[in-house]
Every structure is written in C-alpha cells, then in structure tokens.
C-alpha atoms as a PDB file:
ATOM      1  CA  MET A   1      57.173  -4.640  40.741  1.00  0.00           C
ATOM      2  CA  ILE A   2      55.556  -7.693  41.869  1.00  0.00           C
ATOM      3  CA  LEU A   3      54.199 -10.375  39.600  1.00  0.00           C
ATOM      4  CA  ASN A   4      51.987 -13.310  40.514  1.00  0.00           C
ATOM      5  CA  ILE A   5      52.107 -16.424  37.714  1.00  0.00           C
ATOM      6  CA  PRO A   6      49.572 -18.904  38.437  1.00  0.00           C
ATOM      7  CA  GLY A   7      51.286 -22.560  38.732  1.00  0.00           C
ATOM      8  CA  THR A   8      54.775 -23.548  39.065  1.00  0.00           C
ATOM      9  CA  PRO A   9      57.368 -24.342  36.368  1.00  0.00           C
ATOM     10  CA  PRO A  10      58.564 -27.621  35.984  1.00  0.00           C
ATOM     11  CA  SER A  11      61.822 -28.597  37.583  1.00  0.00           C
ATOM     12  CA  LEU A  12      65.178 -28.740  35.549  1.00  0.00           C
ATOM     13  CA  ASN A  13      65.102 -32.488  36.141  1.00  0.00           C
ATOM     14  CA  THR A  14      61.421 -32.654  34.431  1.00  0.00           C
ATOM     15  CA  TRP A  15      62.444 -30.141  32.050  1.00  0.00           C
ATOM     16  CA  SER A  16      65.523 -32.022  30.609  1.00  0.00           C
ATOM     17  CA  ARG A  17      63.627 -35.055  30.128  1.00  0.00           C
ATOM     18  CA  MET A  18      60.652 -33.503  27.956  1.00  0.00           C
ATOM     19  CA  HIS A  19      60.434 -33.553  24.271  1.00  0.00           C
ATOM     20  CA  TRP A  20      61.952 -30.336  22.909  1.00  0.00           C
ATOM     21  CA  ALA A  21      58.562 -29.156  21.468  1.00  0.00           C
ATOM     22  CA  LYS A  22      56.579 -29.713  24.744  1.00  0.00           C
ATOM     23  CA  ALA A  23      59.749 -27.785  26.634  1.00  0.00           C
ATOM     24  CA  ALA A  24      59.526 -24.906  24.445  1.00  0.00           C
ATOM     25  CA  GLU A  25      55.631 -24.527  24.324  1.00  0.00           C
ATOM     26  CA  ILE A  26      55.869 -24.288  28.131  1.00  0.00           C
ATOM     27  CA  LYS A  27      58.828 -21.815  28.283  1.00  0.00           C
ATOM     28  CA  LYS A  28      56.914 -19.670  25.805  1.00  0.00           C
ATOM     29  CA  GLN A  29      53.725 -19.794  27.908  1.00  0.00           C
ATOM     30  CA  TRP A  30      55.715 -18.600  30.922  1.00  0.00           C
ATOM     31  CA  GLU A  31      57.186 -15.964  28.793  1.00  0.00           C
ATOM     32  CA  ARG A  32      53.935 -14.640  27.665  1.00  0.00           C
ATOM     33  CA  ASP A  33      52.269 -14.834  31.168  1.00  0.00           C
ATOM     34  CA  ILE A  34      55.254 -12.790  32.592  1.00  0.00           C
ATOM     35  CA  PHE A  35      54.875 -10.339  29.362  1.00  0.00           C
ATOM     36  CA  TYR A  36      51.106  -9.716  29.901  1.00  0.00           C
ATOM     37  CA  LEU A  37      51.256  -9.335  33.738  1.00  0.00           C
ATOM     38  CA  SER A  38      53.984  -7.110  33.742  1.00  0.00           C
ATOM     39  CA  HIS A  39      52.416  -4.669  31.042  1.00  0.00           C
ATOM     40  CA  GLN A  40      49.164  -4.548  33.205  1.00  0.00           C
ATOM     41  CA  GLN A  41      51.435  -3.248  35.788  1.00  0.00           C
ATOM     42  CA  ARG A  42      53.518  -1.006  33.885  1.00  0.00           C
ATOM     43  CA  TYR A  43      50.913   2.043  34.104  1.00  0.00           C
ATOM     44  CA  ASP A  44      51.719   2.106  37.826  1.00  0.00           C
ATOM     45  CA  ASN A  45      55.301   2.018  37.375  1.00  0.00           C
ATOM     46  CA  ARG A  46      56.851   5.158  36.228  1.00  0.00           C
ATOM     47  CA  GLY A  47      60.350   4.071  36.461  1.00  0.00           C
ATOM     48  CA  GLU A  48      62.667   3.747  33.390  1.00  0.00           C
ATOM     49  CA  LEU A  49      62.585   0.220  31.857  1.00  0.00           C
ATOM     50  CA  PRO A  50      64.462  -1.739  31.163  1.00  0.00           C
ATOM     51  CA  LEU A  51      66.324  -1.857  34.272  1.00  0.00           C
ATOM     52  CA  ARG A  52      70.150  -1.840  33.961  1.00  0.00           C
ATOM     53  CA  LYS A  53      70.393  -2.974  37.567  1.00  0.00           C
ATOM     54  CA  ALA A  54      68.020  -5.054  39.169  1.00  0.00           C
ATOM     55  CA  ILE A  55      67.354  -7.099  42.655  1.00  0.00           C
ATOM     56  CA  ILE A  56      64.828 -10.209  41.670  1.00  0.00           C
ATOM     57  CA  LYS A  57      63.417 -12.199  44.295  1.00  0.00           C
ATOM     58  CA  ILE A  58      61.330 -15.325  43.268  1.00  0.00           C
ATOM     59  CA  THR A  59      59.042 -17.198  45.744  1.00  0.00           C
ATOM     60  CA  TYR A  60      57.648 -20.461  44.692  1.00  0.00           C
ATOM     61  CA  TYR A  61      54.510 -21.423  46.268  1.00  0.00           C
ATOM     62  CA  PHE A  62      53.868 -25.305  45.457  1.00  0.00           C
ATOM     63  CA  ALA A  63      50.634 -27.095  46.068  1.00  0.00           C
ATOM     64  CA  THR A  64      52.256 -29.891  48.175  1.00  0.00           C
ATOM     65  CA  ASN A  65      55.150 -29.999  50.721  1.00  0.00           C
ATOM     66  CA  ARG A  66      56.922 -32.713  49.127  1.00  0.00           C
ATOM     67  CA  ARG A  67      60.634 -32.873  49.288  1.00  0.00           C
ATOM     68  CA  ARG A  68      62.551 -30.510  46.530  1.00  0.00           C
ATOM     69  CA  ASP A  69      66.195 -29.916  45.803  1.00  0.00           C
ATOM     70  CA  ALA A  70      66.996 -26.095  45.847  1.00  0.00           C
ATOM     71  CA  ASP A  71      69.297 -26.703  42.981  1.00  0.00           C
ATOM     72  CA  ASN A  72      66.358 -28.224  40.856  1.00  0.00           C
ATOM     73  CA  MET A  73      64.247 -25.015  40.725  1.00  0.00           C
ATOM     74  CA  ASN A  74      63.821 -23.572  37.160  1.00  0.00           C
ATOM     75  CA  LEU A  75      64.873 -20.124  36.904  1.00  0.00           C
ATOM     76  CA  LYS A  76      65.433 -20.060  33.074  1.00  0.00           C
ATOM     77  CA  PHE A  77      61.509 -19.540  32.035  1.00  0.00           C
ATOM     78  CA  ILE A  78      60.944 -16.848  34.574  1.00  0.00           C
ATOM     79  CA  LEU A  79      64.267 -14.873  33.878  1.00  0.00           C
ATOM     80  CA  ASP A  80      64.052 -15.252  30.157  1.00  0.00           C
ATOM     81  CA  GLY A  81      60.326 -13.959  30.507  1.00  0.00           C
ATOM     82  CA  VAL A  82      61.743 -10.778  32.448  1.00  0.00           C
ATOM     83  CA  VAL A  83      64.076 -10.050  29.923  1.00  0.00           C
ATOM     84  CA  LYS A  84      61.582 -10.484  26.891  1.00  0.00           C
ATOM     85  CA  ALA A  85      58.961  -8.654  28.833  1.00  0.00           C
ATOM     86  CA  GLY A  86      61.484  -5.507  28.719  1.00  0.00           C
ATOM     87  CA  ILE A  87      61.565  -5.433  32.341  1.00  0.00           C
ATOM     88  CA  ILE A  88      65.393  -5.814  32.858  1.00  0.00           C
ATOM     89  CA  LYS A  89      68.059  -5.284  30.223  1.00  0.00           C
ATOM     90  CA  ASP A  90      69.314  -9.021  30.238  1.00  0.00           C
ATOM     91  CA  ASP A  91      69.644 -11.974  32.804  1.00  0.00           C
ATOM     92  CA  SER A  92      73.337 -11.323  33.222  1.00  0.00           C
ATOM     93  CA  THR A  93      74.951 -11.351  36.474  1.00  0.00           C
ATOM     94  CA  SER A  94      76.029  -7.702  35.940  1.00  0.00           C
ATOM     95  CA  VAL A  95      72.436  -6.786  35.732  1.00  0.00           C
ATOM     96  CA  ILE A  96      70.702  -8.840  38.311  1.00  0.00           C
ATOM     97  CA  GLY A  97      73.842 -10.254  40.360  1.00  0.00           C
ATOM     98  CA  GLN A  98      72.629 -13.120  42.340  1.00  0.00           C
ATOM     99  CA  VAL A  99      68.696 -14.234  42.203  1.00  0.00           C
ATOM    100  CA  GLU A 100      67.151 -14.436  45.701  1.00  0.00           C
ATOM    101  CA  THR A 101      64.876 -17.694  45.632  1.00  0.00           C
ATOM    102  CA  SER A 102      62.669 -18.992  48.678  1.00  0.00           C
ATOM    103  CA  TRP A 103      59.615 -21.316  48.675  1.00  0.00           C
ATOM    104  CA  GLY A 104      56.570 -22.280  50.305  1.00  0.00           C
ATOM    105  CA  VAL A 105      53.272 -24.180  50.158  1.00  0.00           C
ATOM    106  CA  ASP A 106      49.754 -22.996  49.166  1.00  0.00           C
ATOM    107  CA  LYS A 107      47.950 -26.081  48.310  1.00  0.00           C
ATOM    108  CA  ASN A 108      44.817 -23.726  47.162  1.00  0.00           C
ATOM    109  CA  ASN A 109      46.973 -21.370  45.098  1.00  0.00           C
ATOM    110  CA  PRO A 110      50.242 -22.660  43.652  1.00  0.00           C
ATOM    111  CA  ARG A 111      51.938 -19.931  41.914  1.00  0.00           C
ATOM    112  CA  VAL A 112      55.453 -18.024  41.589  1.00  0.00           C
ATOM    113  CA  GLU A 113      55.914 -14.651  43.031  1.00  0.00           C
ATOM    114  CA  ILE A 114      58.248 -12.407  41.317  1.00  0.00           C
ATOM    115  CA  GLU A 115      59.642  -9.167  42.932  1.00  0.00           C
ATOM    116  CA  ILE A 116      61.605  -6.894  41.012  1.00  0.00           C
ATOM    117  CA  GLU A 117      63.275  -3.467  41.892  1.00  0.00           C
ATOM    118  CA  GLY A 118      65.668  -1.231  40.516  1.00  0.00           C
ATOM    119  CA  ARG A 119      69.091  -0.889  42.320  1.00  0.00           C
ATOM    120  CA  LYS A 120      71.743   1.729  42.138  1.00  0.00           C
ATOM    121  CA  GLN A 121      74.318   1.542  39.397  1.00  0.00           C
ATOM    122  CA  ASP A 122      77.650   0.792  40.419  1.00  0.00           C
ATOM    123  CA  GLY A 123      80.010   3.768  40.847  1.00  0.00           C
END
C-alpha cells in the first residue's frame, strides 16, 4: 500500500513550540487524511489488516531545498495515523522494526509518501 499525503508535517522543533490545541488539531488532521486515503485503497488490498509485522518507508517531499536535520523529521503524526487507520497493529518496534525515511524536493507537490508492506512473522 502506498499513501500520498499532501503537504508535510511540522518538524519536531516546530511541533514542540506550538500551542497544545494547535498541535492536537494538526495531528488529528494527519490521522484523518491517512485514515481516509488508506480506506480508499483497501478495496485493492486483499491482505489481512491490521498487519502484525510491517515494513514502513516514508519519503518526505519538501517545497524547498533548505537544510533540514534528519533527526527533526516528525514520524509521530504519520505512525499514529497508520495505527488508527487499522493498517498496522501498533507502532512498536516489534511490529515495524525500524522505519526507513528519505526526503526529496518537489516544489509543485510537497507531500509525504508512505509505503507499507507486510513482512513475514518472526519464527
């Protein structure tokens, strides 16, 4: 399953400085976007959800090429949204292991691409 979410979430630095109500509003919007986009694709996904083991790759496409710190990317909104949408069981390391992240620039279409695929259960 590949989800394309318009826009990019605020960085951890920006999020931590927001008023709690604004931060909660933005987080809920990301969760809703992920929920609705994933449910549109469920008709094509015949696998069993929620996934108990998954590989998640997240690619951020920003509108500008300005310098960004890799440790300042906000995974919280995205992973919580994927759990609340019922795609994965939870966002613990036992389910998703390590999330693979990358980034690029697309000034005309800033977005986040989330690629989720099931992986075999550990023996």
